[in-house]
PDB file of N, CA and C in Angstrom:
ATOM      1  N   MET A   1      -4.550  46.424 102.653  1.00  0.00           N
ATOM      2  CA  MET A   1      -3.600  47.151 101.846  1.00  0.00           C
ATOM      3  C   MET A   1      -4.199  47.422 100.463  1.00  0.00           C
ATOM      4  N   THR A   2      -4.180  48.661 100.050  1.00  0.00           N
ATOM      5  CA  THR A   2      -4.701  49.056  98.748  1.00  0.00           C
ATOM      6  C   THR A   2      -3.560  49.094  97.734  1.00  0.00           C
ATOM      7  N   ILE A   3      -3.790  48.494  96.588  1.00  0.00           N
ATOM      8  CA  ILE A   3      -2.788  48.515  95.522  1.00  0.00           C
ATOM      9  C   ILE A   3      -3.071  49.704  94.620  1.00  0.00           C
ATOM     10  N   LYS A   4      -2.039  50.532  94.406  1.00  0.00           N
ATOM     11  CA  LYS A   4      -2.179  51.688  93.534  1.00  0.00           C
ATOM     12  C   LYS A   4      -1.985  51.265  92.072  1.00  0.00           C
ATOM     13  N   PRO A   5      -2.733  51.872  91.171  1.00  0.00           N
ATOM     14  CA  PRO A   5      -2.453  51.641  89.750  1.00  0.00           C
ATOM     15  C   PRO A   5      -1.046  52.154  89.423  1.00  0.00           C
ATOM     16  N   LEU A   6      -0.385  51.499  88.492  1.00  0.00           N
ATOM     17  CA  LEU A   6       0.972  51.856  88.092  1.00  0.00           C
ATOM     18  C   LEU A   6       0.958  52.402  86.672  1.00  0.00           C
ATOM     19  N   VAL A   7       1.549  53.583  86.493  1.00  0.00           N
ATOM     20  CA  VAL A   7       1.675  54.191  85.171  1.00  0.00           C
ATOM     21  C   VAL A   7       3.162  54.364  84.891  1.00  0.00           C
ATOM     22  N   ILE A   8       3.634  53.743  83.798  1.00  0.00           N
ATOM     23  CA  ILE A   8       5.041  53.860  83.414  1.00  0.00           C
ATOM     24  C   ILE A   8       5.126  54.562  82.072  1.00  0.00           C
ATOM     25  N   GLY A   9       5.864  55.645  82.040  1.00  0.00           N
ATOM     26  CA  GLY A   9       6.108  56.374  80.799  1.00  0.00           C
ATOM     27  C   GLY A   9       7.452  55.972  80.232  1.00  0.00           C
ATOM     28  N   ASN A  10       7.455  55.138  79.182  1.00  0.00           N
ATOM     29  CA  ASN A  10       8.691  54.698  78.553  1.00  0.00           C
ATOM     30  C   ASN A  10       9.034  55.695  77.451  1.00  0.00           C
ATOM     31  N   TRP A  11      10.132  56.395  77.610  1.00  0.00           N
ATOM     32  CA  TRP A  11      10.522  57.438  76.673  1.00  0.00           C
ATOM     33  C   TRP A  11      11.120  56.873  75.395  1.00  0.00           C
ATOM     34  N   LYS A  12      11.298  55.549  75.347  1.00  0.00           N
ATOM     35  CA  LYS A  12      11.879  54.855  74.189  1.00  0.00           C
ATOM     36  C   LYS A  12      13.213  55.507  73.799  1.00  0.00           C
ATOM     37  N   MET A  13      13.406  55.815  72.542  1.00  0.00           N
ATOM     38  CA  MET A  13      14.662  56.412  72.087  1.00  0.00           C
ATOM     39  C   MET A  13      14.417  57.868  71.698  1.00  0.00           C
ATOM     40  N   ASN A  14      13.688  58.574  72.556  1.00  0.00           N
ATOM     41  CA  ASN A  14      13.338  59.962  72.295  1.00  0.00           C
ATOM     42  C   ASN A  14      14.025  60.870  73.302  1.00  0.00           C
ATOM     43  N   LEU A  15      14.144  62.114  72.966  1.00  0.00           N
ATOM     44  CA  LEU A  15      14.702  63.188  73.776  1.00  0.00           C
ATOM     45  C   LEU A  15      16.225  63.128  73.867  1.00  0.00           C
ATOM     46  N   ASP A  16      16.832  64.289  73.715  1.00  0.00           N
ATOM     47  CA  ASP A  16      18.270  64.373  73.962  1.00  0.00           C
ATOM     48  C   ASP A  16      18.476  64.679  75.441  1.00  0.00           C
ATOM     49  N   PHE A  17      19.710  64.849  75.862  1.00  0.00           N
ATOM     50  CA  PHE A  17      20.021  65.041  77.280  1.00  0.00           C
ATOM     51  C   PHE A  17      19.271  66.233  77.880  1.00  0.00           C
ATOM     52  N   VAL A  18      19.333  67.366  77.214  1.00  0.00           N
ATOM     53  CA  VAL A  18      18.694  68.581  77.729  1.00  0.00           C
ATOM     54  C   VAL A  18      17.176  68.399  77.820  1.00  0.00           C
ATOM     55  N   GLU A  19      16.590  67.801  76.797  1.00  0.00           N
ATOM     56  CA  GLU A  19      15.143  67.568  76.807  1.00  0.00           C
ATOM     57  C   GLU A  19      14.732  66.593  77.908  1.00  0.00           C
ATOM     58  N   ALA A  20      15.538  65.570  78.140  1.00  0.00           N
ATOM     59  CA  ALA A  20      15.230  64.587  79.187  1.00  0.00           C
ATOM     60  C   ALA A  20      15.273  65.228  80.567  1.00  0.00           C
ATOM     61  N   VAL A  21      16.295  66.028  80.816  1.00  0.00           N
ATOM     62  CA  VAL A  21      16.405  66.723  82.103  1.00  0.00           C
ATOM     63  C   VAL A  21      15.231  67.682  82.276  1.00  0.00           C
ATOM     64  N   HIS A  22      14.914  68.415  81.218  1.00  0.00           N
ATOM     65  CA  HIS A  22      13.807  69.372  81.279  1.00  0.00           C
ATOM     66  C   HIS A  22      12.475  68.657  81.554  1.00  0.00           C
ATOM     67  N   LEU A  23      12.235  67.537  80.869  1.00  0.00           N
ATOM     68  CA  LEU A  23      10.994  66.808  81.090  1.00  0.00           C
ATOM     69  C   LEU A  23      10.917  66.288  82.532  1.00  0.00           C
ATOM     70  N   GLY A  24      12.029  65.787  83.058  1.00  0.00           N
ATOM     71  CA  GLY A  24      12.051  65.354  84.455  1.00  0.00           C
ATOM     72  C   GLY A  24      11.679  66.480  85.405  1.00  0.00           C
ATOM     73  N   GLN A  25      12.215  67.665  85.154  1.00  0.00           N
ATOM     74  CA  GLN A  25      11.892  68.830  85.983  1.00  0.00           C
ATOM     75  C   GLN A  25      10.430  69.236  85.828  1.00  0.00           C
ATOM     76  N   GLN A  26       9.913  69.192  84.609  1.00  0.00           N
ATOM     77  CA  GLN A  26       8.520  69.568  84.369  1.00  0.00           C
ATOM     78  C   GLN A  26       7.551  68.603  85.036  1.00  0.00           C
ATOM     79  N   ILE A  27       7.876  67.326  85.042  1.00  0.00           N
ATOM     80  CA  ILE A  27       7.033  66.354  85.747  1.00  0.00           C
ATOM     81  C   ILE A  27       7.001  66.695  87.234  1.00  0.00           C
ATOM     82  N   GLY A  28       8.157  67.079  87.773  1.00  0.00           N
ATOM     83  CA  GLY A  28       8.216  67.500  89.173  1.00  0.00           C
ATOM     84  C   GLY A  28       7.319  68.685  89.460  1.00  0.00           C
ATOM     85  N   VAL A  29       7.327  69.683  88.584  1.00  0.00           N
ATOM     86  CA  VAL A  29       6.475  70.869  88.751  1.00  0.00           C
ATOM     87  C   VAL A  29       5.002  70.466  88.699  1.00  0.00           C
ATOM     88  N   LEU A  30       4.651  69.633  87.736  1.00  0.00           N
ATOM     89  CA  LEU A  30       3.257  69.197  87.612  1.00  0.00           C
ATOM     90  C   LEU A  30       2.784  68.453  88.855  1.00  0.00           C
ATOM     91  N   LEU A  31       3.643  67.576  89.396  1.00  0.00           N
ATOM     92  CA  LEU A  31       3.239  66.787  90.557  1.00  0.00           C
ATOM     93  C   LEU A  31       3.216  67.605  91.846  1.00  0.00           C
ATOM     94  N   LYS A  32       3.993  68.698  91.906  1.00  0.00           N
ATOM     95  CA  LYS A  32       3.922  69.573  93.079  1.00  0.00           C
ATOM     96  C   LYS A  32       2.617  70.361  93.071  1.00  0.00           C
ATOM     97  N   ASN A  33       2.145  70.716  91.873  1.00  0.00           N
ATOM     98  CA  ASN A  33       0.887  71.454  91.759  1.00  0.00           C
ATOM     99  C   ASN A  33      -0.336  70.552  91.876  1.00  0.00           C
ATOM    100  N   ARG A  34      -0.164  69.302  91.487  1.00  0.00           N
ATOM    101  CA  ARG A  34      -1.275  68.350  91.549  1.00  0.00           C
ATOM    102  C   ARG A  34      -0.737  66.959  91.893  1.00  0.00           C
ATOM    103  N   PRO A  35      -0.546  66.700  93.175  1.00  0.00           N
ATOM    104  CA  PRO A  35       0.040  65.415  93.591  1.00  0.00           C
ATOM    105  C   PRO A  35      -0.795  64.221  93.132  1.00  0.00           C
ATOM    106  N   SER A  36      -0.100  63.145  92.845  1.00  0.00           N
ATOM    107  CA  SER A  36      -0.746  61.909  92.428  1.00  0.00           C
ATOM    108  C   SER A  36      -0.701  60.927  93.596  1.00  0.00           C
ATOM    109  N   GLU A  37      -1.672  61.026  94.466  1.00  0.00           N
ATOM    110  CA  GLU A  37      -1.687  60.214  95.682  1.00  0.00           C
ATOM    111  C   GLU A  37      -2.217  58.808  95.453  1.00  0.00           C
ATOM    112  N   HIS A  38      -2.970  58.622  94.402  1.00  0.00           N
ATOM    113  CA  HIS A  38      -3.631  57.338  94.180  1.00  0.00           C
ATOM    114  C   HIS A  38      -3.035  56.527  93.034  1.00  0.00           C
ATOM    115  N   THR A  39      -1.939  57.020  92.445  1.00  0.00           N
ATOM    116  CA  THR A  39      -1.307  56.343  91.326  1.00  0.00           C
ATOM    117  C   THR A  39       0.200  56.370  91.513  1.00  0.00           C
ATOM    118  N   GLU A  40       0.852  55.258  91.251  1.00  0.00           N
ATOM    119  CA  GLU A  40       2.310  55.225  91.272  1.00  0.00           C
ATOM    120  C   GLU A  40       2.802  55.543  89.866  1.00  0.00           C
ATOM    121  N   ILE A  41       3.726  56.490  89.773  1.00  0.00           N
ATOM    122  CA  ILE A  41       4.224  56.953  88.484  1.00  0.00           C
ATOM    123  C   ILE A  41       5.708  56.608  88.366  1.00  0.00           C
ATOM    124  N   VAL A  42       6.082  56.076  87.200  1.00  0.00           N
ATOM    125  CA  VAL A  42       7.466  55.709  86.911  1.00  0.00           C
ATOM    126  C   VAL A  42       7.800  56.211  85.511  1.00  0.00           C
ATOM    127  N   VAL A  43       9.002  56.776  85.347  1.00  0.00           N
ATOM    128  CA  VAL A  43       9.468  57.177  84.018  1.00  0.00           C
ATOM    129  C   VAL A  43      10.642  56.289  83.630  1.00  0.00           C
ATOM    130  N   ALA A  44      10.763  56.003  82.335  1.00  0.00           N
ATOM    131  CA  ALA A  44      11.842  55.159  81.826  1.00  0.00           C
ATOM    132  C   ALA A  44      12.574  55.882  80.700  1.00  0.00           C
ATOM    133  N   PRO A  45      13.522  56.747  81.076  1.00  0.00           N
ATOM    134  CA  PRO A  45      14.285  57.456  80.041  1.00  0.00           C
ATOM    135  C   PRO A  45      15.304  56.532  79.378  1.00  0.00           C
ATOM    136  N   PRO A  46      15.878  56.950  78.248  1.00  0.00           N
ATOM    137  CA  PRO A  46      16.935  56.155  77.640  1.00  0.00           C
ATOM    138  C   PRO A  46      18.106  55.990  78.617  1.00  0.00           C
ATOM    139  N   PHE A  47      18.875  54.912  78.448  1.00  0.00           N
ATOM    140  CA  PHE A  47      19.960  54.607  79.383  1.00  0.00           C
ATOM    141  C   PHE A  47      20.934  55.770  79.548  1.00  0.00           C
ATOM    142  N   VAL A  48      21.251  56.465  78.466  1.00  0.00           N
ATOM    143  CA  VAL A  48      22.228  57.557  78.554  1.00  0.00           C
ATOM    144  C   VAL A  48      21.734  58.708  79.427  1.00  0.00           C
ATOM    145  N   ASP A  49      20.429  58.801  79.661  1.00  0.00           N
ATOM    146  CA  ASP A  49      19.859  59.863  80.491  1.00  0.00           C
ATOM    147  C   ASP A  49      19.380  59.357  81.849  1.00  0.00           C
ATOM    148  N   LEU A  50      19.504  58.080  82.089  1.00  0.00           N
ATOM    149  CA  LEU A  50      18.946  57.461  83.289  1.00  0.00           C
ATOM    150  C   LEU A  50      19.475  58.087  84.574  1.00  0.00           C
ATOM    151  N   ARG A  51      20.786  58.195  84.704  1.00  0.00           N
ATOM    152  CA  ARG A  51      21.372  58.731  85.936  1.00  0.00           C
ATOM    153  C   ARG A  51      21.008  60.195  86.135  1.00  0.00           C
ATOM    154  N   SER A  52      21.000  60.990  85.078  1.00  0.00           N
ATOM    155  CA  SER A  52      20.665  62.409  85.204  1.00  0.00           C
ATOM    156  C   SER A  52      19.222  62.596  85.659  1.00  0.00           C
ATOM    157  N   VAL A  53      18.311  61.848  85.061  1.00  0.00           N
ATOM    158  CA  VAL A  53      16.895  61.950  85.455  1.00  0.00           C
ATOM    159  C   VAL A  53      16.715  61.454  86.886  1.00  0.00           C
ATOM    160  N   ALA A  54      17.392  60.353  87.248  1.00  0.00           N
ATOM    161  CA  ALA A  54      17.305  59.842  88.617  1.00  0.00           C
ATOM    162  C   ALA A  54      17.844  60.856  89.622  1.00  0.00           C
ATOM    163  N   SER A  55      18.901  61.561  89.264  1.00  0.00           N
ATOM    164  CA  SER A  55      19.469  62.583  90.152  1.00  0.00           C
ATOM    165  C   SER A  55      18.492  63.732  90.383  1.00  0.00           C
ATOM    166  N   ILE A  56      17.798  64.136  89.318  1.00  0.00           N
ATOM    167  CA  ILE A  56      16.794  65.201  89.447  1.00  0.00           C
ATOM    168  C   ILE A  56      15.658  64.738  90.340  1.00  0.00           C
ATOM    169  N   VAL A  57      15.180  63.531  90.116  1.00  0.00           N
ATOM    170  CA  VAL A  57      14.088  62.970  90.918  1.00  0.00           C
ATOM    171  C   VAL A  57      14.490  62.938  92.400  1.00  0.00           C
ATOM    172  N   ASP A  58      15.729  62.489  92.668  1.00  0.00           N
ATOM    173  CA  ASP A  58      16.209  62.413  94.051  1.00  0.00           C
ATOM    174  C   ASP A  58      16.401  63.795  94.665  1.00  0.00           C
ATOM    175  N   SER A  59      17.112  64.676  93.970  1.00  0.00           N
ATOM    176  CA  SER A  59      17.452  65.979  94.547  1.00  0.00           C
ATOM    177  C   SER A  59      16.239  66.882  94.728  1.00  0.00           C
ATOM    178  N   GLU A  60      15.281  66.783  93.834  1.00  0.00           N
ATOM    179  CA  GLU A  60      14.082  67.631  93.939  1.00  0.00           C
ATOM    180  C   GLU A  60      12.931  66.911  94.634  1.00  0.00           C
ATOM    181  N   ARG A  61      13.205  65.701  95.129  1.00  0.00           N
ATOM    182  CA  ARG A  61      12.211  64.889  95.858  1.00  0.00           C
ATOM    183  C   ARG A  61      10.898  64.746  95.082  1.00  0.00           C
ATOM    184  N   ILE A  62      11.046  64.423  93.804  1.00  0.00           N
ATOM    185  CA  ILE A  62       9.877  64.216  92.949  1.00  0.00           C
ATOM    186  C   ILE A  62       9.335  62.816  93.250  1.00  0.00           C
ATOM    187  N   PRO A  63       8.050  62.702  93.550  1.00  0.00           N
ATOM    188  CA  PRO A  63       7.493  61.408  93.985  1.00  0.00           C
ATOM    189  C   PRO A  63       7.188  60.444  92.836  1.00  0.00           C
ATOM    190  N   ILE A  64       8.233  60.102  92.080  1.00  0.00           N
ATOM    191  CA  ILE A  64       8.080  59.135  90.997  1.00  0.00           C
ATOM    192  C   ILE A  64       9.243  58.151  91.051  1.00  0.00           C
ATOM    193  N   GLY A  65       9.076  57.013  90.394  1.00  0.00           N
ATOM    194  CA  GLY A  65      10.156  56.053  90.246  1.00  0.00           C
ATOM    195  C   GLY A  65      10.845  56.261  88.915  1.00  0.00           C
ATOM    196  N   VAL A  66      12.047  55.737  88.815  1.00  0.00           N
ATOM    197  CA  VAL A  66      12.811  55.808  87.569  1.00  0.00           C
ATOM    198  C   VAL A  66      13.155  54.380  87.165  1.00  0.00           C
ATOM    199  N   ALA A  67      12.926  54.057  85.893  1.00  0.00           N
ATOM    200  CA  ALA A  67      13.142  52.691  85.410  1.00  0.00           C
ATOM    201  C   ALA A  67      14.158  52.651  84.282  1.00  0.00           C
ATOM    202  N   ALA A  68      14.892  51.561  84.236  1.00  0.00           N
ATOM    203  CA  ALA A  68      15.719  51.268  83.068  1.00  0.00           C
ATOM    204  C   ALA A  68      14.794  50.665  82.012  1.00  0.00           C
ATOM    205  N   GLN A  69      15.096  50.898  80.759  1.00  0.00           N
ATOM    206  CA  GLN A  69      14.255  50.374  79.686  1.00  0.00           C
ATOM    207  C   GLN A  69      14.531  48.915  79.366  1.00  0.00           C
ATOM    208  N   HIS A  70      15.684  48.419  79.779  1.00  0.00           N
ATOM    209  CA  HIS A  70      16.056  47.051  79.416  1.00  0.00           C
ATOM    210  C   HIS A  70      17.097  46.546  80.398  1.00  0.00           C
ATOM    211  N   VAL A  71      17.038  45.266  80.699  1.00  0.00           N
ATOM    212  CA  VAL A  71      18.054  44.612  81.514  1.00  0.00           C
ATOM    213  C   VAL A  71      18.415  43.294  80.832  1.00  0.00           C
ATOM    214  N   ASN A  72      19.690  43.089  80.604  1.00  0.00           N
ATOM    215  CA  ASN A  72      20.153  41.831  80.039  1.00  0.00           C
ATOM    216  C   ASN A  72      20.237  40.808  81.157  1.00  0.00           C
ATOM    217  N   PRO A  73      19.816  39.585  80.937  1.00  0.00           N
ATOM    218  CA  PRO A  73      19.831  38.576  81.999  1.00  0.00           C
ATOM    219  C   PRO A  73      21.229  38.132  82.430  1.00  0.00           C
ATOM    220  N   ASN A  74      22.256  38.441  81.637  1.00  0.00           N
ATOM    221  CA  ASN A  74      23.626  38.054  81.989  1.00  0.00           C
ATOM    222  C   ASN A  74      24.238  39.071  82.945  1.00  0.00           C
ATOM    223  N   ASP A  75      25.074  38.605  83.869  1.00  0.00           N
ATOM    224  CA  ASP A  75      25.762  39.514  84.787  1.00  0.00           C
ATOM    225  C   ASP A  75      26.893  40.267  84.110  1.00  0.00           C
ATOM    226  N   ASN A  76      27.544  39.635  83.146  1.00  0.00           N
ATOM    227  CA  ASN A  76      28.643  40.275  82.429  1.00  0.00           C
ATOM    228  C   ASN A  76      28.914  39.473  81.164  1.00  0.00           C
ATOM    229  N   GLY A  77      29.886  39.909  80.408  1.00  0.00           N
ATOM    230  CA  GLY A  77      30.255  39.174  79.210  1.00  0.00           C
ATOM    231  C   GLY A  77      30.314  40.061  77.988  1.00  0.00           C
ATOM    232  N   ALA A  78      30.528  39.438  76.855  1.00  0.00           N
ATOM    233  CA  ALA A  78      30.678  40.144  75.587  1.00  0.00           C
ATOM    234  C   ALA A  78      29.301  40.400  74.975  1.00  0.00           C
ATOM    235  N   HIS A  79      28.564  41.312  75.565  1.00  0.00           N
ATOM    236  CA  HIS A  79      27.212  41.651  75.112  1.00  0.00           C
ATOM    237  C   HIS A  79      27.194  43.149  74.796  1.00  0.00           C
ATOM    238  N   THR A  80      27.726  43.507  73.649  1.00  0.00           N
ATOM    239  CA  THR A  80      27.893  44.912  73.270  1.00  0.00           C
ATOM    240  C   THR A  80      26.584  45.689  73.361  1.00  0.00           C
ATOM    241  N   GLY A  81      26.633  46.806  74.049  1.00  0.00           N
ATOM    242  CA  GLY A  81      25.482  47.686  74.165  1.00  0.00           C
ATOM    243  C   GLY A  81      24.456  47.269  75.201  1.00  0.00           C
ATOM    244  N   GLU A  82      24.671  46.154  75.858  1.00  0.00           N
ATOM    245  CA  GLU A  82      23.711  45.656  76.846  1.00  0.00           C
ATOM    246  C   GLU A  82      24.039  46.181  78.236  1.00  0.00           C
ATOM    247  N   VAL A  83      23.064  46.099  79.136  1.00  0.00           N
ATOM    248  CA  VAL A  83      23.217  46.566  80.506  1.00  0.00           C
ATOM    249  C   VAL A  83      22.731  45.462  81.439  1.00  0.00           C
ATOM    250  N   SER A  84      23.547  45.114  82.425  1.00  0.00           N
ATOM    251  CA  SER A  84      23.167  44.057  83.369  1.00  0.00           C
ATOM    252  C   SER A  84      22.488  44.654  84.600  1.00  0.00           C
ATOM    253  N   ALA A  85      21.815  43.803  85.347  1.00  0.00           N
ATOM    254  CA  ALA A  85      21.158  44.246  86.584  1.00  0.00           C
ATOM    255  C   ALA A  85      22.179  44.766  87.581  1.00  0.00           C
ATOM    256  N   SER A  86      23.342  44.142  87.654  1.00  0.00           N
ATOM    257  CA  SER A  86      24.360  44.616  88.600  1.00  0.00           C
ATOM    258  C   SER A  86      24.890  45.990  88.202  1.00  0.00           C
ATOM    259  N   MET A  87      24.994  46.271  86.906  1.00  0.00           N
ATOM    260  CA  MET A  87      25.411  47.598  86.455  1.00  0.00           C
ATOM    261  C   MET A  87      24.376  48.642  86.860  1.00  0.00           C
ATOM    262  N   LEU A  88      23.106  48.293  86.707  1.00  0.00           N
ATOM    263  CA  LEU A  88      22.040  49.226  87.073  1.00  0.00           C
ATOM    264  C   LEU A  88      21.966  49.430  88.581  1.00  0.00           C
ATOM    265  N   SER A  89      22.097  48.359  89.351  1.00  0.00           N
ATOM    266  CA  SER A  89      21.963  48.496  90.804  1.00  0.00           C
ATOM    267  C   SER A  89      23.103  49.318  91.386  1.00  0.00           C
ATOM    268  N   ALA A  90      24.265  49.299  90.757  1.00  0.00           N
ATOM    269  CA  ALA A  90      25.398  50.085  91.244  1.00  0.00           C
ATOM    270  C   ALA A  90      25.183  51.581  91.036  1.00  0.00           C
ATOM    271  N   SER A  91      24.352  51.956  90.070  1.00  0.00           N
ATOM    272  CA  SER A  91      24.174  53.369  89.773  1.00  0.00           C
ATOM    273  C   SER A  91      22.761  53.877  90.018  1.00  0.00           C
ATOM    274  N   ALA A  92      21.870  53.015  90.457  1.00  0.00           N
ATOM    275  CA  ALA A  92      20.461  53.408  90.593  1.00  0.00           C
ATOM    276  C   ALA A  92      20.106  53.812  92.012  1.00  0.00           C
ATOM    277  N   SER A  93      18.971  54.446  92.116  1.00  0.00           N
ATOM    278  CA  SER A  93      18.424  54.832  93.409  1.00  0.00           C
ATOM    279  C   SER A  93      17.700  53.647  94.023  1.00  0.00           C
ATOM    280  N   PRO A  94      17.557  53.636  95.343  1.00  0.00           N
ATOM    281  CA  PRO A  94      16.769  52.566  95.965  1.00  0.00           C
ATOM    282  C   PRO A  94      15.339  52.581  95.432  1.00  0.00           C
ATOM    283  N   GLY A  95      14.781  51.413  95.239  1.00  0.00           N
ATOM    284  CA  GLY A  95      13.414  51.332  94.749  1.00  0.00           C
ATOM    285  C   GLY A  95      13.288  51.564  93.260  1.00  0.00           C
ATOM    286  N   SER A  96      14.381  51.447  92.528  1.00  0.00           N
ATOM    287  CA  SER A  96      14.349  51.661  91.079  1.00  0.00           C
ATOM    288  C   SER A  96      13.635  50.512  90.385  1.00  0.00           C
ATOM    289  N   TRP A  97      13.255  50.757  89.162  1.00  0.00           N
ATOM    290  CA  TRP A  97      12.493  49.803  88.363  1.00  0.00           C
ATOM    291  C   TRP A  97      13.282  49.410  87.133  1.00  0.00           C
ATOM    292  N   SER A  98      12.806  48.382  86.468  1.00  0.00           N
ATOM    293  CA  SER A  98      13.302  48.032  85.150  1.00  0.00           C
ATOM    294  C   SER A  98      12.126  47.519  84.333  1.00  0.00           C
ATOM    295  N   VAL A  99      12.054  47.957  83.095  1.00  0.00           N
ATOM    296  CA  VAL A  99      11.032  47.486  82.183  1.00  0.00           C
ATOM    297  C   VAL A  99      11.537  46.173  81.592  1.00  0.00           C
ATOM    298  N   ILE A 100      10.766  45.109  81.748  1.00  0.00           N
ATOM    299  CA  ILE A 100      11.167  43.822  81.200  1.00  0.00           C
ATOM    300  C   ILE A 100      10.993  43.878  79.691  1.00  0.00           C
ATOM    301  N   PRO A 101      11.999  43.446  78.938  1.00  0.00           N
ATOM    302  CA  PRO A 101      11.921  43.577  77.483  1.00  0.00           C
ATOM    303  C   PRO A 101      10.763  42.796  76.880  1.00  0.00           C
ATOM    304  N   SER A 102      10.204  43.375  75.859  1.00  0.00           N
ATOM    305  CA  SER A 102       9.098  42.723  75.150  1.00  0.00           C
ATOM    306  C   SER A 102       9.655  41.829  74.051  1.00  0.00           C
ATOM    307  N   ALA A 103       8.777  41.227  73.306  1.00  0.00           N
ATOM    308  CA  ALA A 103       9.191  40.342  72.220  1.00  0.00           C
ATOM    309  C   ALA A 103      10.022  41.076  71.175  1.00  0.00           C
ATOM    310  N   VAL A 104       9.862  42.376  71.089  1.00  0.00           N
ATOM    311  CA  VAL A 104      10.618  43.157  70.120  1.00  0.00           C
ATOM    312  C   VAL A 104      12.110  42.999  70.370  1.00  0.00           C
ATOM    313  N   ARG A 105      12.508  42.895  71.631  1.00  0.00           N
ATOM    314  CA  ARG A 105      13.925  42.859  71.984  1.00  0.00           C
ATOM    315  C   ARG A 105      14.418  41.445  72.266  1.00  0.00           C
ATOM    316  N   CYS A 106      13.556  40.455  72.238  1.00  0.00           N
ATOM    317  CA  CYS A 106      13.949  39.100  72.633  1.00  0.00           C
ATOM    318  C   CYS A 106      14.831  38.400  71.620  1.00  0.00           C
ATOM    319  N   THR A 107      14.757  38.761  70.371  1.00  0.00           N
ATOM    320  CA  THR A 107      15.621  38.125  69.390  1.00  0.00           C
ATOM    321  C   THR A 107      16.821  39.015  69.135  1.00  0.00           C
ATOM    322  N   PRO A 108      18.008  38.436  69.048  1.00  0.00           N
ATOM    323  CA  PRO A 108      19.205  39.241  68.822  1.00  0.00           C
ATOM    324  C   PRO A 108      19.156  39.945  67.472  1.00  0.00           C
ATOM    325  N   TRP A 109      19.805  41.096  67.428  1.00  0.00           N
ATOM    326  CA  TRP A 109      19.929  41.825  66.162  1.00  0.00           C
ATOM    327  C   TRP A 109      20.798  41.003  65.229  1.00  0.00           C
ATOM    328  N   THR A 110      20.477  41.041  63.977  1.00  0.00           N
ATOM    329  CA  THR A 110      21.308  40.366  62.993  1.00  0.00           C
ATOM    330  C   THR A 110      21.896  41.415  62.063  1.00  0.00           C
ATOM    331  N   THR A 111      23.058  41.146  61.565  1.00  0.00           N
ATOM    332  CA  THR A 111      23.681  42.066  60.626  1.00  0.00           C
ATOM    333  C   THR A 111      23.960  41.326  59.328  1.00  0.00           C
ATOM    334  N   ARG A 112      23.937  42.065  58.261  1.00  0.00           N
ATOM    335  CA  ARG A 112      24.248  41.489  56.946  1.00  0.00           C
ATOM    336  C   ARG A 112      25.483  42.182  56.427  1.00  0.00           C
ATOM    337  N   ARG A 113      26.342  41.395  55.866  1.00  0.00           N
ATOM    338  CA  ARG A 113      27.531  41.967  55.240  1.00  0.00           C
ATOM    339  C   ARG A 113      27.173  42.560  53.891  1.00  0.00           C
ATOM    340  N   SER A 114      27.666  43.758  53.641  1.00  0.00           N
ATOM    341  CA  SER A 114      27.468  44.361  52.306  1.00  0.00           C
ATOM    342  C   SER A 114      28.429  43.709  51.321  1.00  0.00           C
ATOM    343  N   ARG A 115      27.991  43.554  50.134  1.00  0.00           N
ATOM    344  CA  ARG A 115      28.843  42.950  49.105  1.00  0.00           C
ATOM    345  C   ARG A 115      29.284  43.990  48.131  1.00  0.00           C
TER     346      ARG A 115
END
């Protein structure tokens, strides 16, 4: 069994909805003209665009994976703005990915009260 190199494009907090959909479509056009048979490709759009990009990938049969940018280890609870694995699995395509958070996201955000 040969292991393919994996390339993940994390879109971070870039692109609005229209730009994200357009980029997903453009990746599809590029891969139809030049298939990537020896590399596995995954895109990680922002959460608000995740389902739309996944729908384009599925409907246009684009040979790439779609990843969530972050998964909270808790199944549920008072974790404002967080996304659990069960939330993602309920809305994701089979074979979906998730980018494991780096040290940047490991410490909780802190807020300071203005005086």
